[in-house]
C-alpha cells in the first residue's frame, strides 16, 4: 500500500469514527513524515534544477502547453497574467 493510500485510509477512518489505535496513530505519523520528506526533496529538485532548466530551454508556447496540461490535471483555471 502506498504512503498516500495509508494516509488516506487512516485519515478517513479517523474522520468517520473519531479515533485510531496507538499503532494506527504511529503508522499515520510515520507515513505523513515520510511523505513530507519526499515532497520536500521533490520540490527542491524542481526549484533548483527542473524549473531553471525549463525556463532556459523551452519556448513560451511549450511552457504554456505544459501549464494548460497541468491545470487540466488539477482541474483549475490557468492564470496567464498577473493582475
PDB file of N, CA and C in Angstrom:
ATOM      1  N   UNK A   1       0.858  -1.178   0.000  1.00  0.00           N
ATOM      2  CA  UNK A   1       0.000   0.000   0.000  1.00  0.00           C
ATOM      3  C   UNK A   1       0.905   1.243   0.000  1.00  0.00           C
ATOM      4  N   UNK A   2       0.571   2.216  -0.829  1.00  0.00           N
ATOM      5  CA  UNK A   2       1.385   3.428  -0.917  1.00  0.00           C
ATOM      6  C   UNK A   2       1.201   4.303   0.328  1.00  0.00           C
ATOM      7  N   UNK A   3       2.155   5.199   0.534  1.00  0.00           N
ATOM      8  CA  UNK A   3       2.041   6.136   1.656  1.00  0.00           C
ATOM      9  C   UNK A   3       0.783   6.983   1.541  1.00  0.00           C
ATOM     10  N   UNK A   4       0.483   7.439   0.326  1.00  0.00           N
ATOM     11  CA  UNK A   4      -0.733   8.230   0.124  1.00  0.00           C
ATOM     12  C   UNK A   4      -1.972   7.431   0.526  1.00  0.00           C
ATOM     13  N   UNK A   5      -1.992   6.161   0.138  1.00  0.00           N
ATOM     14  CA  UNK A   5      -3.135   5.308   0.471  1.00  0.00           C
ATOM     15  C   UNK A   5      -3.264   5.114   1.987  1.00  0.00           C
ATOM     16  N   UNK A   6      -2.125   4.938   2.669  1.00  0.00           N
ATOM     17  CA  UNK A   6      -2.157   4.773   4.122  1.00  0.00           C
ATOM     18  C   UNK A   6      -2.711   6.018   4.804  1.00  0.00           C
ATOM     19  N   UNK A   7      -2.225   7.181   4.390  1.00  0.00           N
ATOM     20  CA  UNK A   7      -2.693   8.432   4.987  1.00  0.00           C
ATOM     21  C   UNK A   7      -4.177   8.630   4.700  1.00  0.00           C
ATOM     22  N   UNK A   8      -4.586   8.355   3.473  1.00  0.00           N
ATOM     23  CA  UNK A   8      -5.998   8.487   3.103  1.00  0.00           C
ATOM     24  C   UNK A   8      -6.873   7.545   3.927  1.00  0.00           C
ATOM     25  N   UNK A   9      -6.459   6.284   4.014  1.00  0.00           N
ATOM     26  CA  UNK A   9      -7.237   5.286   4.756  1.00  0.00           C
ATOM     27  C   UNK A   9      -7.346   5.648   6.233  1.00  0.00           C
ATOM     28  N   UNK A  10      -6.217   5.965   6.850  1.00  0.00           N
ATOM     29  CA  UNK A  10      -6.239   6.278   8.276  1.00  0.00           C
ATOM     30  C   UNK A  10      -6.950   7.604   8.556  1.00  0.00           C
ATOM     31  N   UNK A  11      -6.761   8.580   7.688  1.00  0.00           N
ATOM     32  CA  UNK A  11      -7.458   9.852   7.861  1.00  0.00           C
ATOM     33  C   UNK A  11      -8.961   9.690   7.740  1.00  0.00           C
ATOM     34  N   UNK A  12      -9.402   8.919   6.752  1.00  0.00           N
ATOM     35  CA  UNK A  12     -10.832   8.673   6.580  1.00  0.00           C
ATOM     36  C   UNK A  12     -11.398   7.899   7.770  1.00  0.00           C
ATOM     37  N   UNK A  13     -10.614   6.935   8.260  1.00  0.00           N
ATOM     38  CA  UNK A  13     -11.054   6.170   9.427  1.00  0.00           C
ATOM     39  C   UNK A  13     -11.219   7.094  10.633  1.00  0.00           C
ATOM     40  N   UNK A  14     -10.255   7.959  10.843  1.00  0.00           N
ATOM     41  CA  UNK A  14     -10.345   8.879  11.986  1.00  0.00           C
ATOM     42  C   UNK A  14     -11.553   9.805  11.846  1.00  0.00           C
ATOM     43  N   UNK A  15     -11.764  10.328  10.646  1.00  0.00           N
ATOM     44  CA  UNK A  15     -12.895  11.230  10.433  1.00  0.00           C
ATOM     45  C   UNK A  15     -14.236  10.518  10.600  1.00  0.00           C
ATOM     46  N   UNK A  16     -14.286   9.242  10.249  1.00  0.00           N
ATOM     47  CA  UNK A  16     -15.565   8.533  10.335  1.00  0.00           C
ATOM     48  C   UNK A  16     -15.883   8.023  11.742  1.00  0.00           C
ATOM     49  N   UNK A  17     -14.853   7.592  12.502  1.00  0.00           N
ATOM     50  CA  UNK A  17     -15.154   7.045  13.829  1.00  0.00           C
ATOM     51  C   UNK A  17     -14.537   7.846  14.974  1.00  0.00           C
ATOM     52  N   UNK A  18     -13.687   8.814  14.637  1.00  0.00           N
ATOM     53  CA  UNK A  18     -13.162   9.716  15.653  1.00  0.00           C
ATOM     54  C   UNK A  18     -12.004   9.202  16.473  1.00  0.00           C
ATOM     55  N   UNK A  19     -11.414   8.070  16.067  1.00  0.00           N
ATOM     56  CA  UNK A  19     -10.258   7.584  16.819  1.00  0.00           C
ATOM     57  C   UNK A  19      -9.441   6.622  15.976  1.00  0.00           C
ATOM     58  N   UNK A  20      -8.191   6.452  16.414  1.00  0.00           N
ATOM     59  CA  UNK A  20      -7.276   5.465  15.844  1.00  0.00           C
ATOM     60  C   UNK A  20      -6.601   4.750  17.007  1.00  0.00           C
ATOM     61  N   UNK A  21      -6.173   3.532  16.762  1.00  0.00           N
ATOM     62  CA  UNK A  21      -5.413   2.812  17.781  1.00  0.00           C
ATOM     63  C   UNK A  21      -4.022   3.434  17.888  1.00  0.00           C
ATOM     64  N   UNK A  22      -3.301   3.087  18.933  1.00  0.00           N
ATOM     65  CA  UNK A  22      -1.929   3.591  19.089  1.00  0.00           C
ATOM     66  C   UNK A  22      -1.056   3.194  17.901  1.00  0.00           C
ATOM     67  N   UNK A  23      -1.201   1.965  17.421  1.00  0.00           N
ATOM     68  CA  UNK A  23      -0.437   1.508  16.258  1.00  0.00           C
ATOM     69  C   UNK A  23      -0.819   2.297  15.000  1.00  0.00           C
ATOM     70  N   UNK A  24      -2.106   2.574  14.841  1.00  0.00           N
ATOM     71  CA  UNK A  24      -2.562   3.340  13.680  1.00  0.00           C
ATOM     72  C   UNK A  24      -2.067   4.787  13.749  1.00  0.00           C
ATOM     73  N   UNK A  25      -2.051   5.354  14.948  1.00  0.00           N
ATOM     74  CA  UNK A  25      -1.516   6.714  15.115  1.00  0.00           C
ATOM     75  C   UNK A  25      -0.045   6.742  14.723  1.00  0.00           C
ATOM     76  N   UNK A  26       0.713   5.748  15.164  1.00  0.00           N
ATOM     77  CA  UNK A  26       2.139   5.674  14.819  1.00  0.00           C
ATOM     78  C   UNK A  26       2.325   5.512  13.313  1.00  0.00           C
ATOM     79  N   UNK A  27       1.499   4.670  12.688  1.00  0.00           N
ATOM     80  CA  UNK A  27       1.576   4.463  11.241  1.00  0.00           C
ATOM     81  C   UNK A  27       1.230   5.749  10.497  1.00  0.00           C
ATOM     82  N   UNK A  28       0.199   6.452  10.947  1.00  0.00           N
ATOM     83  CA  UNK A  28      -0.199   7.708  10.314  1.00  0.00           C
ATOM     84  C   UNK A  28       0.927   8.732  10.414  1.00  0.00           C
ATOM     85  N   UNK A  29       1.467   8.907  11.613  1.00  0.00           N
ATOM     86  CA  UNK A  29       2.557   9.889  11.808  1.00  0.00           C
ATOM     87  C   UNK A  29       3.775   9.544  10.962  1.00  0.00           C
ATOM     88  N   UNK A  30       4.134   8.286  10.941  1.00  0.00           N
ATOM     89  CA  UNK A  30       5.288   7.849  10.154  1.00  0.00           C
ATOM     90  C   UNK A  30       5.054   8.079   8.661  1.00  0.00           C
ATOM     91  N   UNK A  31       3.859   7.750   8.195  1.00  0.00           N
ATOM     92  CA  UNK A  31       3.538   7.923   6.777  1.00  0.00           C
ATOM     93  C   UNK A  31       3.538   9.388   6.381  1.00  0.00           C
ATOM     94  N   UNK A  32       2.956  10.242   7.224  1.00  0.00           N
ATOM     95  CA  UNK A  32       2.933  11.684   6.936  1.00  0.00           C
ATOM     96  C   UNK A  32       4.356  12.241   6.933  1.00  0.00           C
ATOM     97  N   UNK A  33       5.177  11.824   7.889  1.00  0.00           N
ATOM     98  CA  UNK A  33       6.564  12.302   7.939  1.00  0.00           C
ATOM     99  C   UNK A  33       7.338  11.862   6.699  1.00  0.00           C
ATOM    100  N   UNK A  34       7.128  10.632   6.266  1.00  0.00           N
ATOM    101  CA  UNK A  34       7.804  10.147   5.055  1.00  0.00           C
ATOM    102  C   UNK A  34       7.357  10.925   3.824  1.00  0.00           C
ATOM    103  N   UNK A  35       6.051  11.152   3.709  1.00  0.00           N
ATOM    104  CA  UNK A  35       5.546  11.940   2.577  1.00  0.00           C
ATOM    105  C   UNK A  35       6.111  13.360   2.593  1.00  0.00           C
ATOM    106  N   UNK A  36       6.149  13.972   3.756  1.00  0.00           N
ATOM    107  CA  UNK A  36       6.672  15.338   3.863  1.00  0.00           C
ATOM    108  C   UNK A  36       8.127  15.391   3.412  1.00  0.00           C
ATOM    109  N   UNK A  37       8.928  14.409   3.820  1.00  0.00           N
ATOM    110  CA  UNK A  37      10.332  14.370   3.406  1.00  0.00           C
ATOM    111  C   UNK A  37      10.459  14.167   1.908  1.00  0.00           C
ATOM    112  N   UNK A  38       9.636  13.276   1.349  1.00  0.00           N
ATOM    113  CA  UNK A  38       9.678  13.035  -0.098  1.00  0.00           C
ATOM    114  C   UNK A  38       9.307  14.299  -0.873  1.00  0.00           C
ATOM    115  N   UNK A  39       8.248  14.960  -0.453  1.00  0.00           N
ATOM    116  CA  UNK A  39       7.811  16.159  -1.159  1.00  0.00           C
ATOM    117  C   UNK A  39       8.805  17.293  -1.000  1.00  0.00           C
ATOM    118  N   UNK A  40       9.438  17.395   0.154  1.00  0.00           N
ATOM    119  CA  UNK A  40      10.446  18.434   0.352  1.00  0.00           C
ATOM    120  C   UNK A  40      11.587  18.263  -0.657  1.00  0.00           C
ATOM    121  N   UNK A  41      12.056  17.025  -0.833  1.00  0.00           N
ATOM    122  CA  UNK A  41      13.110  16.749  -1.801  1.00  0.00           C
ATOM    123  C   UNK A  41      12.612  16.966  -3.225  1.00  0.00           C
ATOM    124  N   UNK A  42      11.403  16.524  -3.511  1.00  0.00           N
ATOM    125  CA  UNK A  42      10.814  16.707  -4.838  1.00  0.00           C
ATOM    126  C   UNK A  42      10.757  18.197  -5.200  1.00  0.00           C
ATOM    127  N   UNK A  43      10.295  19.011  -4.276  1.00  0.00           N
ATOM    128  CA  UNK A  43      10.177  20.454  -4.509  1.00  0.00           C
ATOM    129  C   UNK A  43      11.557  21.077  -4.682  1.00  0.00           C
ATOM    130  N   UNK A  44      12.533  20.636  -3.878  1.00  0.00           N
ATOM    131  CA  UNK A  44      13.891  21.171  -4.006  1.00  0.00           C
ATOM    132  C   UNK A  44      14.445  20.895  -5.406  1.00  0.00           C
ATOM    133  N   UNK A  45      14.280  19.672  -5.893  1.00  0.00           N
ATOM    134  CA  UNK A  45      14.779  19.315  -7.229  1.00  0.00           C
ATOM    135  C   UNK A  45      14.085  20.157  -8.293  1.00  0.00           C
ATOM    136  N   UNK A  46      12.767  20.312  -8.180  1.00  0.00           N
ATOM    137  CA  UNK A  46      12.053  21.144  -9.150  1.00  0.00           C
ATOM    138  C   UNK A  46      12.556  22.580  -9.128  1.00  0.00           C
ATOM    139  N   UNK A  47      12.639  23.160  -7.941  1.00  0.00           N
ATOM    140  CA  UNK A  47      13.013  24.569  -7.814  1.00  0.00           C
ATOM    141  C   UNK A  47      14.456  24.836  -8.233  1.00  0.00           C
ATOM    142  N   UNK A  48      15.366  23.934  -7.894  1.00  0.00           N
ATOM    143  CA  UNK A  48      16.786  24.168  -8.157  1.00  0.00           C
ATOM    144  C   UNK A  48      17.254  23.679  -9.517  1.00  0.00           C
ATOM    145  N   UNK A  49      16.604  22.653 -10.060  1.00  0.00           N
ATOM    146  CA  UNK A  49      17.089  22.065 -11.307  1.00  0.00           C
ATOM    147  C   UNK A  49      16.084  22.135 -12.452  1.00  0.00           C
ATOM    148  N   UNK A  50      14.910  21.587 -12.241  1.00  0.00           N
ATOM    149  CA  UNK A  50      13.953  21.422 -13.337  1.00  0.00           C
ATOM    150  C   UNK A  50      13.438  22.763 -13.852  1.00  0.00           C
ATOM    151  N   UNK A  51      12.912  23.600 -12.957  1.00  0.00           N
ATOM    152  CA  UNK A  51      12.316  24.862 -13.408  1.00  0.00           C
ATOM    153  C   UNK A  51      13.331  25.808 -14.057  1.00  0.00           C
ATOM    154  N   UNK A  52      14.537  25.974 -13.480  1.00  0.00           N
ATOM    155  CA  UNK A  52      15.503  26.837 -14.167  1.00  0.00           C
ATOM    156  C   UNK A  52      15.893  26.312 -15.551  1.00  0.00           C
ATOM    157  N   UNK A  53      16.051  24.987 -15.668  1.00  0.00           N
ATOM    158  CA  UNK A  53      16.388  24.408 -16.972  1.00  0.00           C
ATOM    159  C   UNK A  53      15.242  24.602 -17.957  1.00  0.00           C
ATOM    160  N   UNK A  54      14.019  24.334 -17.514  1.00  0.00           N
ATOM    161  CA  UNK A  54      12.853  24.507 -18.389  1.00  0.00           C
ATOM    162  C   UNK A  54      12.730  25.957 -18.849  1.00  0.00           C
ATOM    163  N   UNK A  55      12.982  26.891 -17.951  1.00  0.00           N
ATOM    164  CA  UNK A  55      12.888  28.313 -18.314  1.00  0.00           C
ATOM    165  C   UNK A  55      13.891  28.670 -19.409  1.00  0.00           C
ATOM    166  N   UNK A  56      15.046  28.007 -19.399  1.00  0.00           N
ATOM    167  CA  UNK A  56      16.082  28.302 -20.397  1.00  0.00           C
ATOM    168  C   UNK A  56      15.833  27.622 -21.732  1.00  0.00           C
ATOM    169  N   UNK A  57      15.302  26.386 -21.717  1.00  0.00           N
ATOM    170  CA  UNK A  57      15.277  25.617 -22.961  1.00  0.00           C
ATOM    171  C   UNK A  57      13.913  25.521 -23.638  1.00  0.00           C
ATOM    172  N   UNK A  58      12.837  25.810 -22.924  1.00  0.00           N
ATOM    173  CA  UNK A  58      11.510  25.690 -23.528  1.00  0.00           C
ATOM    174  C   UNK A  58      11.034  27.029 -24.080  1.00  0.00           C
ATOM    175  N   UNK A  59      10.327  26.965 -25.176  1.00  0.00           N
ATOM    176  CA  UNK A  59       9.731  28.175 -25.754  1.00  0.00           C
ATOM    177  C   UNK A  59       8.521  28.584 -24.916  1.00  0.00           C
ATOM    178  N   UNK A  60       8.059  29.818 -25.116  1.00  0.00           N
ATOM    179  CA  UNK A  60       6.849  30.271 -24.420  1.00  0.00           C
ATOM    180  C   UNK A  60       5.657  29.379 -24.770  1.00  0.00           C
ATOM    181  N   UNK A  61       5.568  28.954 -26.012  1.00  0.00           N
ATOM    182  CA  UNK A  61       4.476  28.075 -26.444  1.00  0.00           C
ATOM    183  C   UNK A  61       4.535  26.737 -25.707  1.00  0.00           C
ATOM    184  N   UNK A  62       5.730  26.178 -25.589  1.00  0.00           N
ATOM    185  CA  UNK A  62       5.881  24.907 -24.874  1.00  0.00           C
ATOM    186  C   UNK A  62       5.537  25.061 -23.389  1.00  0.00           C
ATOM    187  N   UNK A  63       5.973  26.144 -22.768  1.00  0.00           N
ATOM    188  CA  UNK A  63       5.664  26.374 -21.357  1.00  0.00           C
ATOM    189  C   UNK A  63       4.159  26.559 -21.148  1.00  0.00           C
ATOM    190  N   UNK A  64       3.504  27.258 -22.086  1.00  0.00           N
ATOM    191  CA  UNK A  64       2.056  27.432 -21.998  1.00  0.00           C
ATOM    192  C   UNK A  64       1.349  26.090 -22.131  1.00  0.00           C
ATOM    193  N   UNK A  65       1.792  25.254 -23.046  1.00  0.00           N
ATOM    194  CA  UNK A  65       1.182  23.927 -23.226  1.00  0.00           C
ATOM    195  C   UNK A  65       1.322  23.086 -21.962  1.00  0.00           C
ATOM    196  N   UNK A  66       2.473  23.150 -21.323  1.00  0.00           N
ATOM    197  CA  UNK A  66       2.688  22.424 -20.075  1.00  0.00           C
ATOM    198  C   UNK A  66       1.756  22.968 -18.998  1.00  0.00           C
ATOM    199  N   UNK A  67       1.644  24.285 -18.916  1.00  0.00           N
ATOM    200  CA  UNK A  67       0.757  24.901 -17.936  1.00  0.00           C
ATOM    201  C   UNK A  67      -0.696  24.495 -18.131  1.00  0.00           C
ATOM    202  N   UNK A  68      -1.133  24.448 -19.370  1.00  0.00           N
ATOM    203  CA  UNK A  68      -2.510  24.041 -19.683  1.00  0.00           C
ATOM    204  C   UNK A  68      -2.735  22.594 -19.258  1.00  0.00           C
ATOM    205  N   UNK A  69      -1.795  21.724 -19.573  1.00  0.00           N
ATOM    206  CA  UNK A  69      -1.916  20.313 -19.216  1.00  0.00           C
ATOM    207  C   UNK A  69      -1.949  20.148 -17.699  1.00  0.00           C
ATOM    208  N   UNK A  70      -1.081  20.857 -16.978  1.00  0.00           N
ATOM    209  CA  UNK A  70      -1.043  20.743 -15.513  1.00  0.00           C
ATOM    210  C   UNK A  70      -2.322  21.291 -14.887  1.00  0.00           C
ATOM    211  N   UNK A  71      -2.813  22.399 -15.388  1.00  0.00           N
ATOM    212  CA  UNK A  71      -4.059  22.970 -14.869  1.00  0.00           C
ATOM    213  C   UNK A  71      -5.219  22.018 -15.113  1.00  0.00           C
ATOM    214  N   UNK A  72      -5.232  21.377 -16.267  1.00  0.00           N
ATOM    215  CA  UNK A  72      -6.287  20.423 -16.575  1.00  0.00           C
ATOM    216  C   UNK A  72      -6.271  19.236 -15.630  1.00  0.00           C
ATOM    217  N   UNK A  73      -5.079  18.726 -15.320  1.00  0.00           N
ATOM    218  CA  UNK A  73      -4.987  17.597 -14.382  1.00  0.00           C
ATOM    219  C   UNK A  73      -5.484  17.987 -12.999  1.00  0.00           C
ATOM    220  N   UNK A  74      -5.245  19.224 -12.624  1.00  0.00           N
ATOM    221  CA  UNK A  74      -5.652  19.691 -11.293  1.00  0.00           C
ATOM    222  C   UNK A  74      -7.056  20.293 -11.299  1.00  0.00           C
ATOM    223  N   UNK A  75      -7.635  20.376 -12.474  1.00  0.00           N
ATOM    224  CA  UNK A  75      -8.970  20.938 -12.668  1.00  0.00           C
ATOM    225  C   UNK A  75      -9.067  22.346 -12.093  1.00  0.00           C
ATOM    226  N   UNK A  76      -8.074  23.184 -12.448  1.00  0.00           N
ATOM    227  CA  UNK A  76      -8.058  24.583 -12.042  1.00  0.00           C
ATOM    228  C   UNK A  76      -7.898  25.445 -13.293  1.00  0.00           C
ATOM    229  N   UNK A  77      -8.269  26.695 -13.159  1.00  0.00           N
ATOM    230  CA  UNK A  77      -8.148  27.636 -14.267  1.00  0.00           C
ATOM    231  C   UNK A  77      -6.688  28.069 -14.388  1.00  0.00           C
ATOM    232  N   UNK A  78      -6.188  28.081 -15.618  1.00  0.00           N
ATOM    233  CA  UNK A  78      -4.828  28.535 -15.877  1.00  0.00           C
ATOM    234  C   UNK A  78      -4.806  30.052 -15.871  1.00  0.00           C
ATOM    235  N   UNK A  79      -3.962  30.624 -15.048  1.00  0.00           N
ATOM    236  CA  UNK A  79      -3.795  32.078 -14.995  1.00  0.00           C
ATOM    237  C   UNK A  79      -2.532  32.399 -15.793  1.00  0.00           C
ATOM    238  N   UNK A  80      -2.695  33.214 -16.847  1.00  0.00           N
ATOM    239  CA  UNK A  80      -1.556  33.520 -17.697  1.00  0.00           C
ATOM    240  C   UNK A  80      -0.983  34.906 -17.453  1.00  0.00           C
ATOM    241  N   UNK A  81      -1.734  35.749 -16.778  1.00  0.00           N
ATOM    242  CA  UNK A  81      -1.244  37.090 -16.478  1.00  0.00           C
ATOM    243  C   UNK A  81      -1.554  37.395 -15.016  1.00  0.00           C
ATOM    244  N   UNK A  82      -0.635  38.111 -14.394  1.00  0.00           N
ATOM    245  CA  UNK A  82      -0.887  38.553 -13.026  1.00  0.00           C
ATOM    246  C   UNK A  82      -1.597  39.896 -13.064  1.00  0.00           C
ATOM    247  N   UNK A  83      -2.640  40.041 -12.286  1.00  0.00           N
ATOM    248  CA  UNK A  83      -3.402  41.292 -12.254  1.00  0.00           C
ATOM    249  C   UNK A  83      -2.862  42.225 -11.216  1.00  0.00           C
TER     250      UNK A  83
END
